[in-house]
Amino acid sequence: MAATKHFAYLPAERLYRILSDDNLNVSSEMEVFCALLAWLDFDREDRMCMAPKLLQCCVRLQYIPPEQLITKVEPVDWLFENADCEFLVNEAIRSLDSRPTGCRPTGDNPATLPLYTAQQEYCQGAAGST
């Protein structure tokens, strides 16, 4: 999915629809996280304002195995430059007790707002705070 040359050029709302789909065919939630990172990193300066909402709504951090949260998610330094992303990842790390891991379950989509609305609100708020 993320390996295609067109993936990095997807508009945010299309990326959101793909990654938040309960029926997305991935072997692990880590694939979804890596796909999101690849998309964000392609144009990090312009896309970082969307990172918290995309991370929250598209990646089910609770389904990433604890060792991968520590060894593969936590080391992504640039993601932690955003306080909201840092909070989301740290919350997932703090809740490492007995959580489910593995494949993406159906019917457990955390998205509550359309991305485009949330993206506009978040980016406008970020722009206004500078």
C-alpha atoms as a PDB file:
ATOM      1  CA  MET A   1       0.000   0.000   0.000  1.00  0.00           C
ATOM      2  CA  ALA A   2       2.480   2.639   1.128  1.00  0.00           C
ATOM      3  CA  ALA A   3       5.102   1.290  -1.275  1.00  0.00           C
ATOM      4  CA  THR A   4       3.282   2.572  -4.352  1.00  0.00           C
ATOM      5  CA  LYS A   5       4.600   5.776  -5.861  1.00  0.00           C
ATOM      6  CA  HIS A   6       1.178   7.422  -5.696  1.00  0.00           C
ATOM      7  CA  PHE A   7       0.660   6.830  -1.976  1.00  0.00           C
ATOM      8  CA  ALA A   8       2.678   9.875  -0.876  1.00  0.00           C
ATOM      9  CA  TYR A   9       0.522  12.113  -3.081  1.00  0.00           C
ATOM     10  CA  LEU A  10      -2.825  11.025  -1.661  1.00  0.00           C
ATOM     11  CA  PRO A  11      -4.928  13.882  -0.304  1.00  0.00           C
ATOM     12  CA  ALA A  12      -5.391  13.744   3.471  1.00  0.00           C
ATOM     13  CA  GLU A  13      -9.082  12.894   3.295  1.00  0.00           C
ATOM     14  CA  ARG A  14      -8.385   9.914   0.985  1.00  0.00           C
ATOM     15  CA  LEU A  15      -5.566   8.694   3.235  1.00  0.00           C
ATOM     16  CA  TYR A  16      -7.916   8.948   6.191  1.00  0.00           C
ATOM     17  CA  ARG A  17     -10.604   6.892   4.440  1.00  0.00           C
ATOM     18  CA  ILE A  18      -8.087   4.203   3.534  1.00  0.00           C
ATOM     19  CA  LEU A  19      -6.240   3.913   6.836  1.00  0.00           C
ATOM     20  CA  SER A  20      -9.302   4.163   9.075  1.00  0.00           C
ATOM     21  CA  ASP A  21     -11.222   1.500   7.136  1.00  0.00           C
ATOM     22  CA  ASP A  22     -12.165  -1.375   9.447  1.00  0.00           C
ATOM     23  CA  ASN A  23     -11.692  -3.752   6.527  1.00  0.00           C
ATOM     24  CA  LEU A  24      -8.214  -2.575   5.577  1.00  0.00           C
ATOM     25  CA  ASN A  25      -6.222  -5.651   4.600  1.00  0.00           C
ATOM     26  CA  VAL A  26      -3.041  -5.412   6.693  1.00  0.00           C
ATOM     27  CA  SER A  27      -1.197  -8.052   8.664  1.00  0.00           C
ATOM     28  CA  SER A  28      -0.663  -5.762  11.652  1.00  0.00           C
ATOM     29  CA  GLU A  29      -1.440  -2.305  12.938  1.00  0.00           C
ATOM     30  CA  MET A  30       2.262  -1.550  12.630  1.00  0.00           C
ATOM     31  CA  GLU A  31       1.773  -1.506   8.840  1.00  0.00           C
ATOM     32  CA  VAL A  32      -0.823   1.232   9.250  1.00  0.00           C
ATOM     33  CA  PHE A  33       1.524   3.219  11.494  1.00  0.00           C
ATOM     34  CA  CYS A  34       4.392   2.883   8.994  1.00  0.00           C
ATOM     35  CA  ALA A  35       2.132   3.911   6.111  1.00  0.00           C
ATOM     36  CA  LEU A  36       1.041   7.015   8.021  1.00  0.00           C
ATOM     37  CA  LEU A  37       4.662   7.875   8.839  1.00  0.00           C
ATOM     38  CA  ALA A  38       5.664   7.519   5.204  1.00  0.00           C
ATOM     39  CA  TRP A  39       2.824   9.797   4.099  1.00  0.00           C
ATOM     40  CA  LEU A  40       3.588  12.405   6.773  1.00  0.00           C
ATOM     41  CA  ASP A  41       7.322  12.318   6.139  1.00  0.00           C
ATOM     42  CA  PHE A  42       6.894  12.931   2.413  1.00  0.00           C
ATOM     43  CA  ASP A  43       5.845  16.538   3.149  1.00  0.00           C
ATOM     44  CA  ARG A  44       6.424  16.788   6.868  1.00  0.00           C
ATOM     45  CA  GLU A  45       6.368  20.588   7.055  1.00  0.00           C
ATOM     46  CA  ASP A  46       2.858  20.884   5.627  1.00  0.00           C
ATOM     47  CA  ARG A  47       1.412  17.623   6.971  1.00  0.00           C
ATOM     48  CA  MET A  48       2.484  17.634  10.612  1.00  0.00           C
ATOM     49  CA  CYS A  49      -0.534  19.724  11.606  1.00  0.00           C
ATOM     50  CA  MET A  50      -2.676  16.733  10.533  1.00  0.00           C
ATOM     51  CA  ALA A  51      -0.561  14.135  12.331  1.00  0.00           C
ATOM     52  CA  PRO A  52      -2.404  14.063  15.685  1.00  0.00           C
ATOM     53  CA  LYS A  53      -5.856  13.526  14.177  1.00  0.00           C
ATOM     54  CA  LEU A  54      -4.567  10.967  11.679  1.00  0.00           C
ATOM     55  CA  LEU A  55      -2.641   9.130  14.382  1.00  0.00           C
ATOM     56  CA  GLN A  56      -5.669   9.130  16.656  1.00  0.00           C
ATOM     57  CA  CYS A  57      -8.225   8.107  14.047  1.00  0.00           C
ATOM     58  CA  CYS A  58      -6.267   5.853  11.714  1.00  0.00           C
ATOM     59  CA  VAL A  59      -3.765   3.992  13.866  1.00  0.00           C
ATOM     60  CA  ARG A  60      -5.050   1.778  16.622  1.00  0.00           C
ATOM     61  CA  LEU A  61      -2.004   2.061  18.829  1.00  0.00           C
ATOM     62  CA  GLN A  62      -3.549  -0.332  21.339  1.00  0.00           C
ATOM     63  CA  TYR A  63      -3.124  -3.140  18.767  1.00  0.00           C
ATOM     64  CA  ILE A  64       0.589  -2.578  18.248  1.00  0.00           C
ATOM     65  CA  PRO A  65       2.556  -5.088  20.330  1.00  0.00           C
ATOM     66  CA  PRO A  66       4.285  -3.510  23.348  1.00  0.00           C
ATOM     67  CA  GLU A  67       7.797  -4.337  22.119  1.00  0.00           C
ATOM     68  CA  GLN A  68       7.077  -2.593  18.804  1.00  0.00           C
ATOM     69  CA  LEU A  69       5.693   0.469  20.583  1.00  0.00           C
ATOM     70  CA  ILE A  70       8.975   0.729  22.452  1.00  0.00           C
ATOM     71  CA  THR A  71      11.393  -0.245  19.665  1.00  0.00           C
ATOM     72  CA  LYS A  72       9.721   1.128  16.520  1.00  0.00           C
ATOM     73  CA  VAL A  73       7.204   3.810  17.466  1.00  0.00           C
ATOM     74  CA  GLU A  74       8.913   5.602  20.341  1.00  0.00           C
ATOM     75  CA  PRO A  75      12.197   6.188  18.429  1.00  0.00           C
ATOM     76  CA  VAL A  76      10.450   8.309  15.756  1.00  0.00           C
ATOM     77  CA  ASP A  77      11.796  11.564  17.205  1.00  0.00           C
ATOM     78  CA  TRP A  78      10.128  13.945  14.757  1.00  0.00           C
ATOM     79  CA  LEU A  79       6.710  12.596  15.685  1.00  0.00           C
ATOM     80  CA  PHE A  80       7.333  13.650  19.286  1.00  0.00           C
ATOM     81  CA  GLU A  81       7.941  17.241  18.214  1.00  0.00           C
ATOM     82  CA  ASN A  82       4.161  17.526  18.139  1.00  0.00           C
ATOM     83  CA  ALA A  83       2.786  17.558  21.704  1.00  0.00           C
ATOM     84  CA  ASP A  84      -0.496  15.882  20.724  1.00  0.00           C
ATOM     85  CA  CYS A  85       1.295  13.023  18.958  1.00  0.00           C
ATOM     86  CA  GLU A  86       3.627  12.661  21.904  1.00  0.00           C
ATOM     87  CA  PHE A  87       0.626  12.421  24.218  1.00  0.00           C
ATOM     88  CA  LEU A  88      -1.086   9.754  22.088  1.00  0.00           C
ATOM     89  CA  VAL A  89       2.012   7.570  21.860  1.00  0.00           C
ATOM     90  CA  ASN A  90       2.856   7.999  25.536  1.00  0.00           C
ATOM     91  CA  GLU A  91      -0.718   7.056  26.488  1.00  0.00           C
ATOM     92  CA  ALA A  92      -0.392   3.884  24.431  1.00  0.00           C
ATOM     93  CA  ILE A  93       2.935   3.082  26.090  1.00  0.00           C
ATOM     94  CA  ARG A  94       1.490   3.734  29.558  1.00  0.00           C
ATOM     95  CA  SER A  95      -1.342   1.302  28.915  1.00  0.00           C
ATOM     96  CA  LEU A  96       0.899  -1.637  28.082  1.00  0.00           C
ATOM     97  CA  ASP A  97      -0.785  -3.953  30.596  1.00  0.00           C
ATOM     98  CA  SER A  98      -3.066  -6.618  29.137  1.00  0.00           C
ATOM     99  CA  ARG A  99      -4.146  -5.146  25.865  1.00  0.00           C
ATOM    100  CA  PRO A 100      -5.076  -6.955  22.684  1.00  0.00           C
ATOM    101  CA  THR A 101      -2.501  -7.094  19.927  1.00  0.00           C
ATOM    102  CA  GLY A 102      -2.450  -8.310  16.387  1.00  0.00           C
ATOM    103  CA  CYS A 103      -4.767  -7.779  13.478  1.00  0.00           C
ATOM    104  CA  ARG A 104      -7.133  -4.880  13.083  1.00  0.00           C
ATOM    105  CA  PRO A 105     -10.559  -5.743  14.512  1.00  0.00           C
ATOM    106  CA  THR A 106     -13.693  -4.710  12.710  1.00  0.00           C
ATOM    107  CA  GLY A 107     -16.213  -2.361  14.266  1.00  0.00           C
ATOM    108  CA  ASP A 108     -13.647  -0.718  16.545  1.00  0.00           C
ATOM    109  CA  ASN A 109     -13.014   2.475  14.606  1.00  0.00           C
ATOM    110  CA  PRO A 110     -12.067   5.353  16.962  1.00  0.00           C
ATOM    111  CA  ALA A 111     -12.763   8.055  14.390  1.00  0.00           C
ATOM    112  CA  THR A 112     -15.542  10.361  15.498  1.00  0.00           C
ATOM    113  CA  LEU A 113     -15.041  13.430  13.315  1.00  0.00           C
ATOM    114  CA  PRO A 114     -14.550  13.666   9.600  1.00  0.00           C
ATOM    115  CA  LEU A 115     -10.849  14.266   9.012  1.00  0.00           C
ATOM    116  CA  TYR A 116     -11.322  17.271   6.797  1.00  0.00           C
ATOM    117  CA  THR A 117     -13.234  19.147   9.490  1.00  0.00           C
ATOM    118  CA  ALA A 118     -10.785  18.104  12.189  1.00  0.00           C
ATOM    119  CA  GLN A 119      -7.838  18.872   9.907  1.00  0.00           C
ATOM    120  CA  GLN A 120      -9.080  22.378   9.217  1.00  0.00           C
ATOM    121  CA  GLU A 121      -9.774  23.046  12.901  1.00  0.00           C
ATOM    122  CA  TYR A 122      -6.442  21.655  14.043  1.00  0.00           C
ATOM    123  CA  CYS A 123      -4.360  23.337  11.367  1.00  0.00           C
ATOM    124  CA  GLN A 124      -6.119  26.644  11.883  1.00  0.00           C
ATOM    125  CA  GLY A 125      -5.519  26.367  15.627  1.00  0.00           C
ATOM    126  CA  ALA A 126      -1.858  25.534  15.058  1.00  0.00           C
ATOM    127  CA  ALA A 127      -1.468  28.422  12.645  1.00  0.00           C
ATOM    128  CA  GLY A 128      -3.149  30.819  15.054  1.00  0.00           C
ATOM    129  CA  SER A 129      -0.870  29.829  17.902  1.00  0.00           C
ATOM    130  CA  THR A 130       2.332  30.889  16.133  1.00  0.00           C
END
